Amino acid sequence: AAITWSGDTTRYADSVKGRFTISRDNAKNTM
């Protein structure tokens, strides 16, 4: 999975799509 800096766009491998969710909290410097 991948996520843009702003977190407004994500991409997932077909094998995990619908099961995994990527997110990030830039204030916490954590993905």
PDB file of all heavy atoms in Angstrom:
ATOM      1  N   ALA A   1       0.838  -1.190   0.000  1.00  0.00           N
ATOM      2  CA  ALA A   1       0.000   0.000   0.000  1.00  0.00           C
ATOM      3  C   ALA A   1       0.873   1.239   0.000  1.00  0.00           C
ATOM      4  O   ALA A   1       2.024   1.204   0.434  1.00  0.00           O
ATOM      5  CB  ALA A   1      -0.929   0.010   1.217  1.00  0.00           C
ATOM      6  N   ALA A   2       0.321   2.334  -0.485  1.00  0.00           N
ATOM      7  CA  ALA A   2       1.037   3.599  -0.496  1.00  0.00           C
ATOM      8  C   ALA A   2       0.076   4.730  -0.202  1.00  0.00           C
ATOM      9  O   ALA A   2      -1.132   4.617  -0.424  1.00  0.00           O
ATOM     10  CB  ALA A   2       1.721   3.820  -1.849  1.00  0.00           C
ATOM     11  N   ILE A   3       0.633   5.823   0.277  1.00  0.00           N
ATOM     12  CA  ILE A   3      -0.171   6.982   0.630  1.00  0.00           C
ATOM     13  C   ILE A   3       0.615   8.247   0.343  1.00  0.00           C
ATOM     14  O   ILE A   3       1.829   8.307   0.547  1.00  0.00           O
ATOM     15  CB  ILE A   3      -0.603   6.905   2.117  1.00  0.00           C
ATOM     16  CG1 ILE A   3      -1.588   8.013   2.468  1.00  0.00           C
ATOM     17  CG2 ILE A   3       0.624   6.943   3.034  1.00  0.00           C
ATOM     18  CD1 ILE A   3      -2.239   7.814   3.835  1.00  0.00           C
ATOM     19  N   THR A   4      -0.077   9.259  -0.153  1.00  0.00           N
ATOM     20  CA  THR A   4       0.567  10.538  -0.401  1.00  0.00           C
ATOM     21  C   THR A   4       0.837  11.249   0.908  1.00  0.00           C
ATOM     22  O   THR A   4       0.339  10.868   1.967  1.00  0.00           O
ATOM     23  CB  THR A   4      -0.313  11.430  -1.287  1.00  0.00           C
ATOM     24  OG1 THR A   4      -1.589  11.628  -0.658  1.00  0.00           O
ATOM     25  CG2 THR A   4      -0.529  10.798  -2.657  1.00  0.00           C
ATOM     26  N   TRP A   5       1.635  12.305   0.842  1.00  0.00           N
ATOM     27  CA  TRP A   5       1.986  13.037   2.045  1.00  0.00           C
ATOM     28  C   TRP A   5       0.746  13.575   2.752  1.00  0.00           C
ATOM     29  O   TRP A   5       0.650  13.511   3.983  1.00  0.00           O
ATOM     30  CB  TRP A   5       2.932  14.189   1.706  1.00  0.00           C
ATOM     31  CG  TRP A   5       3.323  14.992   2.912  1.00  0.00           C
ATOM     32  CD1 TRP A   5       4.294  14.698   3.807  1.00  0.00           C
ATOM     33  CD2 TRP A   5       2.732  16.221   3.348  1.00  0.00           C
ATOM     34  NE1 TRP A   5       4.357  15.667   4.788  1.00  0.00           N
ATOM     35  CE2 TRP A   5       3.411  16.615   4.529  1.00  0.00           C
ATOM     36  CE3 TRP A   5       1.713  17.026   2.860  1.00  0.00           C
ATOM     37  CZ2 TRP A   5       3.077  17.780   5.221  1.00  0.00           C
ATOM     38  CZ3 TRP A   5       1.390  18.190   3.556  1.00  0.00           C
ATOM     39  CH2 TRP A   5       2.072  18.549   4.718  1.00  0.00           C
ATOM     40  N   SER A   6      -0.174  14.114   1.988  1.00  0.00           N
ATOM     41  CA  SER A   6      -1.381  14.679   2.578  1.00  0.00           C
ATOM     42  C   SER A   6      -2.350  13.605   3.053  1.00  0.00           C
ATOM     43  O   SER A   6      -3.257  13.897   3.831  1.00  0.00           O
ATOM     44  CB  SER A   6      -2.081  15.592   1.585  1.00  0.00           C
ATOM     45  OG  SER A   6      -2.547  14.865   0.465  1.00  0.00           O
ATOM     46  N   GLY A   7      -2.164  12.402   2.575  1.00  0.00           N
ATOM     47  CA  GLY A   7      -3.044  11.318   2.949  1.00  0.00           C
ATOM     48  C   GLY A   7      -4.337  11.258   2.170  1.00  0.00           C
ATOM     49  O   GLY A   7      -5.210  10.440   2.487  1.00  0.00           O
ATOM     50  N   ASP A   8      -4.466  12.092   1.161  1.00  0.00           N
ATOM     51  CA  ASP A   8      -5.715  12.150   0.421  1.00  0.00           C
ATOM     52  C   ASP A   8      -5.808  11.128  -0.706  1.00  0.00           C
ATOM     53  O   ASP A   8      -6.885  10.971  -1.288  1.00  0.00           O
ATOM     54  CB  ASP A   8      -5.957  13.560  -0.132  1.00  0.00           C
ATOM     55  CG  ASP A   8      -4.861  14.020  -1.085  1.00  0.00           C
ATOM     56  OD1 ASP A   8      -3.836  13.324  -1.215  1.00  0.00           O
ATOM     57  OD2 ASP A   8      -5.032  15.096  -1.684  1.00  0.00           O
ATOM     58  N   THR A   9      -4.713  10.465  -1.006  1.00  0.00           N
ATOM     59  CA  THR A   9      -4.710   9.462  -2.057  1.00  0.00           C
ATOM     60  C   THR A   9      -3.978   8.226  -1.579  1.00  0.00           C
ATOM     61  O   THR A   9      -2.882   8.328  -1.014  1.00  0.00           O
ATOM     62  CB  THR A   9      -4.047   9.989  -3.335  1.00  0.00           C
ATOM     63  OG1 THR A   9      -4.695  11.190  -3.760  1.00  0.00           O
ATOM     64  CG2 THR A   9      -4.142   8.959  -4.455  1.00  0.00           C
ATOM     65  N   THR A  10      -4.572   7.085  -1.800  1.00  0.00           N
ATOM     66  CA  THR A  10      -3.961   5.823  -1.414  1.00  0.00           C
ATOM     67  C   THR A  10      -4.018   4.841  -2.564  1.00  0.00           C
ATOM     68  O   THR A  10      -4.807   4.987  -3.497  1.00  0.00           O
ATOM     69  CB  THR A  10      -4.659   5.209  -0.194  1.00  0.00           C
ATOM     70  OG1 THR A  10      -6.051   5.009  -0.490  1.00  0.00           O
ATOM     71  CG2 THR A  10      -4.539   6.123   1.017  1.00  0.00           C
ATOM     72  N   ARG A  11      -3.182   3.827  -2.472  1.00  0.00           N
ATOM     73  CA  ARG A  11      -3.144   2.772  -3.475  1.00  0.00           C
ATOM     74  C   ARG A  11      -2.854   1.458  -2.772  1.00  0.00           C
ATOM     75  O   ARG A  11      -2.062   1.407  -1.829  1.00  0.00           O
ATOM     76  CB  ARG A  11      -2.082   3.077  -4.533  1.00  0.00           C
ATOM     77  CG  ARG A  11      -1.986   2.047  -5.653  1.00  0.00           C
ATOM     78  CD  ARG A  11      -0.941   2.474  -6.670  1.00  0.00           C
ATOM     79  NE  ARG A  11      -1.305   3.728  -7.313  1.00  0.00           N
ATOM     80  CZ  ARG A  11      -0.484   4.444  -8.062  1.00  0.00           C
ATOM     81  NH1 ARG A  11       0.764   4.024  -8.264  1.00  0.00           N
ATOM     82  NH2 ARG A  11      -0.905   5.574  -8.610  1.00  0.00           N
ATOM     83  N   TYR A  12      -3.488   0.404  -3.240  1.00  0.00           N
ATOM     84  CA  TYR A  12      -3.327  -0.891  -2.613  1.00  0.00           C
ATOM     85  C   TYR A  12      -3.049  -1.972  -3.643  1.00  0.00           C
ATOM     86  O   TYR A  12      -3.537  -1.916  -4.773  1.00  0.00           O
ATOM     87  CB  TYR A  12      -4.588  -1.290  -1.849  1.00  0.00           C
ATOM     88  CG  TYR A  12      -4.940  -0.369  -0.715  1.00  0.00           C
ATOM     89  CD1 TYR A  12      -5.794   0.713  -0.906  1.00  0.00           C
ATOM     90  CD2 TYR A  12      -4.417  -0.585   0.557  1.00  0.00           C
ATOM     91  CE1 TYR A  12      -6.110   1.559   0.131  1.00  0.00           C
ATOM     92  CE2 TYR A  12      -4.734   0.261   1.602  1.00  0.00           C
ATOM     93  CZ  TYR A  12      -5.577   1.331   1.389  1.00  0.00           C
ATOM     94  OH  TYR A  12      -5.892   2.174   2.428  1.00  0.00           O
ATOM     95  N   ALA A  13      -2.280  -2.947  -3.234  1.00  0.00           N
ATOM     96  CA  ALA A  13      -2.129  -4.138  -4.046  1.00  0.00           C
ATOM     97  C   ALA A  13      -3.460  -4.864  -4.094  1.00  0.00           C
ATOM     98  O   ALA A  13      -4.230  -4.841  -3.134  1.00  0.00           O
ATOM     99  CB  ALA A  13      -1.047  -5.042  -3.471  1.00  0.00           C
ATOM    100  N   ASP A  14      -3.728  -5.514  -5.213  1.00  0.00           N
ATOM    101  CA  ASP A  14      -4.991  -6.234  -5.347  1.00  0.00           C
ATOM    102  C   ASP A  14      -5.172  -7.286  -4.258  1.00  0.00           C
ATOM    103  O   ASP A  14      -6.294  -7.550  -3.823  1.00  0.00           O
ATOM    104  CB  ASP A  14      -5.073  -6.901  -6.720  1.00  0.00           C
ATOM    105  CG  ASP A  14      -5.260  -5.906  -7.845  1.00  0.00           C
ATOM    106  OD1 ASP A  14      -5.673  -4.760  -7.578  1.00  0.00           O
ATOM    107  OD2 ASP A  14      -4.999  -6.275  -9.005  1.00  0.00           O
ATOM    108  N   SER A  15      -4.081  -7.858  -3.805  1.00  0.00           N
ATOM    109  CA  SER A  15      -4.149  -8.921  -2.823  1.00  0.00           C
ATOM    110  C   SER A  15      -4.624  -8.456  -1.450  1.00  0.00           C
ATOM    111  O   SER A  15      -5.079  -9.275  -0.647  1.00  0.00           O
ATOM    112  CB  SER A  15      -2.784  -9.604  -2.685  1.00  0.00           C
ATOM    113  OG  SER A  15      -1.789  -8.677  -2.285  1.00  0.00           O
ATOM    114  N   VAL A  16      -4.523  -7.165  -1.184  1.00  0.00           N
ATOM    115  CA  VAL A  16      -4.915  -6.652   0.128  1.00  0.00           C
ATOM    116  C   VAL A  16      -6.061  -5.657   0.053  1.00  0.00           C
ATOM    117  O   VAL A  16      -6.574  -5.238   1.103  1.00  0.00           O
ATOM    118  CB  VAL A  16      -3.726  -6.004   0.859  1.00  0.00           C
ATOM    119  CG1 VAL A  16      -2.549  -6.967   0.927  1.00  0.00           C
ATOM    120  CG2 VAL A  16      -3.309  -4.697   0.179  1.00  0.00           C
ATOM    121  N   LYS A  17      -6.455  -5.298  -1.134  1.00  0.00           N
ATOM    122  CA  LYS A  17      -7.507  -4.310  -1.312  1.00  0.00           C
ATOM    123  C   LYS A  17      -8.787  -4.758  -0.615  1.00  0.00           C
ATOM    124  O   LYS A  17      -9.236  -5.886  -0.776  1.00  0.00           O
ATOM    125  CB  LYS A  17      -7.754  -4.079  -2.799  1.00  0.00           C
ATOM    126  CG  LYS A  17      -8.572  -2.849  -3.127  1.00  0.00           C
ATOM    127  CD  LYS A  17      -8.631  -2.622  -4.643  1.00  0.00           C
ATOM    128  CE  LYS A  17      -7.244  -2.418  -5.227  1.00  0.00           C
ATOM    129  NZ  LYS A  17      -7.288  -2.170  -6.699  1.00  0.00           N
ATOM    130  N   GLY A  18      -9.348  -3.856   0.155  1.00  0.00           N
ATOM    131  CA  GLY A  18     -10.555  -4.164   0.896  1.00  0.00           C
ATOM    132  C   GLY A  18     -10.308  -4.736   2.267  1.00  0.00           C
ATOM    133  O   GLY A  18     -11.235  -4.812   3.086  1.00  0.00           O
ATOM    134  N   ARG A  19      -9.073  -5.150   2.529  1.00  0.00           N
ATOM    135  CA  ARG A  19      -8.730  -5.728   3.824  1.00  0.00           C
ATOM    136  C   ARG A  19      -7.772  -4.851   4.617  1.00  0.00           C
ATOM    137  O   ARG A  19      -7.817  -4.838   5.846  1.00  0.00           O
ATOM    138  CB  ARG A  19      -8.113  -7.113   3.645  1.00  0.00           C
ATOM    139  CG  ARG A  19      -9.031  -8.114   2.964  1.00  0.00           C
ATOM    140  CD  ARG A  19      -8.434  -9.520   2.996  1.00  0.00           C
ATOM    141  NE  ARG A  19      -7.170  -9.598   2.270  1.00  0.00           N
ATOM    142  CZ  ARG A  19      -5.996  -9.908   2.825  1.00  0.00           C
ATOM    143  NH1 ARG A  19      -5.926 -10.175   4.124  1.00  0.00           N
ATOM    144  NH2 ARG A  19      -4.892  -9.958   2.085  1.00  0.00           N
ATOM    145  N   PHE A  20      -6.891  -4.160   3.923  1.00  0.00           N
ATOM    146  CA  PHE A  20      -5.893  -3.320   4.570  1.00  0.00           C
ATOM    147  C   PHE A  20      -6.230  -1.851   4.353  1.00  0.00           C
ATOM    148  O   PHE A  20      -6.765  -1.466   3.310  1.00  0.00           O
ATOM    149  CB  PHE A  20      -4.494  -3.580   4.001  1.00  0.00           C
ATOM    150  CG  PHE A  20      -3.897  -4.914   4.347  1.00  0.00           C
ATOM    151  CD1 PHE A  20      -4.647  -5.921   4.934  1.00  0.00           C
ATOM    152  CD2 PHE A  20      -2.556  -5.153   4.077  1.00  0.00           C
ATOM    153  CE1 PHE A  20      -4.086  -7.151   5.247  1.00  0.00           C
ATOM    154  CE2 PHE A  20      -1.978  -6.372   4.383  1.00  0.00           C
ATOM    155  CZ  PHE A  20      -2.747  -7.377   4.967  1.00  0.00           C
ATOM    156  N   THR A  21      -5.880  -1.035   5.319  1.00  0.00           N
ATOM    157  CA  THR A  21      -6.066   0.401   5.210  1.00  0.00           C
ATOM    158  C   THR A  21      -4.790   1.109   5.629  1.00  0.00           C
ATOM    159  O   THR A  21      -4.297   0.902   6.737  1.00  0.00           O
ATOM    160  CB  THR A  21      -7.235   0.892   6.079  1.00  0.00           C
ATOM    161  OG1 THR A  21      -8.441   0.236   5.685  1.00  0.00           O
ATOM    162  CG2 THR A  21      -7.414   2.401   5.912  1.00  0.00           C
ATOM    163  N   ILE A  22      -4.272   1.938   4.741  1.00  0.00           N
ATOM    164  CA  ILE A  22      -3.087   2.712   5.052  1.00  0.00           C
ATOM    165  C   ILE A  22      -3.508   4.120   5.461  1.00  0.00           C
ATOM    166  O   ILE A  22      -4.454   4.681   4.908  1.00  0.00           O
ATOM    167  CB  ILE A  22      -2.117   2.753   3.853  1.00  0.00           C
ATOM    168  CG1 ILE A  22      -0.785   3.398   4.245  1.00  0.00           C
ATOM    169  CG2 ILE A  22      -2.738   3.463   2.659  1.00  0.00           C
ATOM    170  CD1 ILE A  22       0.283   3.285   3.160  1.00  0.00           C
ATOM    171  N   SER A  23      -2.822   4.669   6.424  1.00  0.00           N
ATOM    172  CA  SER A  23      -3.103   6.021   6.871  1.00  0.00           C
ATOM    173  C   SER A  23      -1.835   6.627   7.446  1.00  0.00           C
ATOM    174  O   SER A  23      -0.845   5.928   7.666  1.00  0.00           O
ATOM    175  CB  SER A  23      -4.231   6.034   7.914  1.00  0.00           C
ATOM    176  OG  SER A  23      -3.855   5.312   9.073  1.00  0.00           O
ATOM    177  N   ARG A  24      -1.870   7.913   7.669  1.00  0.00           N
ATOM    178  CA  ARG A  24      -0.722   8.562   8.283  1.00  0.00           C
ATOM    179  C   ARG A  24      -1.180   9.746   9.110  1.00  0.00           C
ATOM    180  O   ARG A  24      -2.193  10.380   8.824  1.00  0.00           O
ATOM    181  CB  ARG A  24       0.301   8.991   7.225  1.00  0.00           C
ATOM    182  CG  ARG A  24      -0.178  10.071   6.268  1.00  0.00           C
ATOM    183  CD  ARG A  24       0.770  10.233   5.076  1.00  0.00           C
ATOM    184  NE  ARG A  24       2.096  10.678   5.479  1.00  0.00           N
ATOM    185  CZ  ARG A  24       3.140  10.758   4.658  1.00  0.00           C
ATOM    186  NH1 ARG A  24       3.009  10.397   3.379  1.00  0.00           N
ATOM    187  NH2 ARG A  24       4.308  11.176   5.109  1.00  0.00           N
ATOM    188  N   ASP A  25      -0.409  10.027  10.125  1.00  0.00           N
ATOM    189  CA  ASP A  25      -0.653  11.163  10.994  1.00  0.00           C
ATOM    190  C   ASP A  25       0.643  11.953  11.007  1.00  0.00           C
ATOM    191  O   ASP A  25       1.573  11.631  11.748  1.00  0.00           O
ATOM    192  CB  ASP A  25      -1.046  10.706  12.392  1.00  0.00           C
ATOM    193  CG  ASP A  25      -1.443  11.855  13.296  1.00  0.00           C
ATOM    194  OD1 ASP A  25      -1.087  13.012  13.007  1.00  0.00           O
ATOM    195  OD2 ASP A  25      -2.124  11.597  14.311  1.00  0.00           O
ATOM    196  N   ASN A  26       0.703  12.964  10.167  1.00  0.00           N
ATOM    197  CA  ASN A  26       1.938  13.721  10.037  1.00  0.00           C
ATOM    198  C   ASN A  26       2.300  14.485  11.308  1.00  0.00           C
ATOM    199  O   ASN A  26       3.475  14.740  11.562  1.00  0.00           O
ATOM    200  CB  ASN A  26       1.840  14.685   8.850  1.00  0.00           C
ATOM    201  CG  ASN A  26       1.829  13.964   7.524  1.00  0.00           C
ATOM    202  OD1 ASN A  26       2.264  12.815   7.420  1.00  0.00           O
ATOM    203  ND2 ASN A  26       1.332  14.624   6.489  1.00  0.00           N
ATOM    204  N   ALA A  27       1.298  14.851  12.090  1.00  0.00           N
ATOM    205  CA  ALA A  27       1.573  15.525  13.351  1.00  0.00           C
ATOM    206  C   ALA A  27       2.332  14.617  14.304  1.00  0.00           C
ATOM    207  O   ALA A  27       3.098  15.088  15.144  1.00  0.00           O
ATOM    208  CB  ALA A  27       0.277  16.000  13.995  1.00  0.00           C
ATOM    209  N   LYS A  28       2.114  13.317  14.170  1.00  0.00           N
ATOM    210  CA  LYS A  28       2.809  12.337  14.994  1.00  0.00           C
ATOM    211  C   LYS A  28       3.963  11.675  14.262  1.00  0.00           C
ATOM    212  O   LYS A  28       4.621  10.792  14.820  1.00  0.00           O
ATOM    213  CB  LYS A  28       1.832  11.266  15.474  1.00  0.00           C
ATOM    214  CG  LYS A  28       0.736  11.788  16.383  1.00  0.00           C
ATOM    215  CD  LYS A  28      -0.166  10.656  16.850  1.00  0.00           C
ATOM    216  CE  LYS A  28      -1.228  11.165  17.794  1.00  0.00           C
ATOM    217  NZ  LYS A  28      -2.127  10.068  18.256  1.00  0.00           N
ATOM    218  N   ASN A  29       4.179  12.081  13.020  1.00  0.00           N
ATOM    219  CA  ASN A  29       5.244  11.498  12.204  1.00  0.00           C
ATOM    220  C   ASN A  29       5.131   9.979  12.144  1.00  0.00           C
ATOM    221  O   ASN A  29       6.129   9.261  12.247  1.00  0.00           O
ATOM    222  CB  ASN A  29       6.619  11.907  12.740  1.00  0.00           C
ATOM    223  CG  ASN A  29       6.849  13.397  12.693  1.00  0.00           C
ATOM    224  OD1 ASN A  29       6.589  14.041  11.672  1.00  0.00           O
ATOM    225  ND2 ASN A  29       7.343  13.958  13.775  1.00  0.00           N
ATOM    226  N   THR A  30       3.923   9.524  11.958  1.00  0.00           N
ATOM    227  CA  THR A  30       3.661   8.095  11.999  1.00  0.00           C
ATOM    228  C   THR A  30       2.731   7.678  10.868  1.00  0.00           C
ATOM    229  O   THR A  30       1.767   8.373  10.549  1.00  0.00           O
ATOM    230  CB  THR A  30       3.044   7.690  13.346  1.00  0.00           C
ATOM    231  OG1 THR A  30       3.917   8.092  14.411  1.00  0.00           O
ATOM    232  CG2 THR A  30       2.855   6.180  13.422  1.00  0.00           C
ATOM    233  N   MET A  31       3.034   6.545  10.281  1.00  0.00           N
ATOM    234  CA  MET A  31       2.188   5.930   9.278  1.00  0.00           C
ATOM    235  C   MET A  31       1.675   4.612   9.831  1.00  0.00           C
ATOM    236  O   MET A  31       2.354   3.948  10.613  1.00  0.00           O
ATOM    237  CB  MET A  31       2.977   5.688   7.986  1.00  0.00           C
ATOM    238  CG  MET A  31       2.188   4.981   6.902  1.00  0.00           C
ATOM    239  SD  MET A  31       3.148   4.689   5.385  1.00  0.00           S
ATOM    240  CE  MET A  31       4.403   3.554   5.975  1.00  0.00           C
TER     241      MET A  31
END
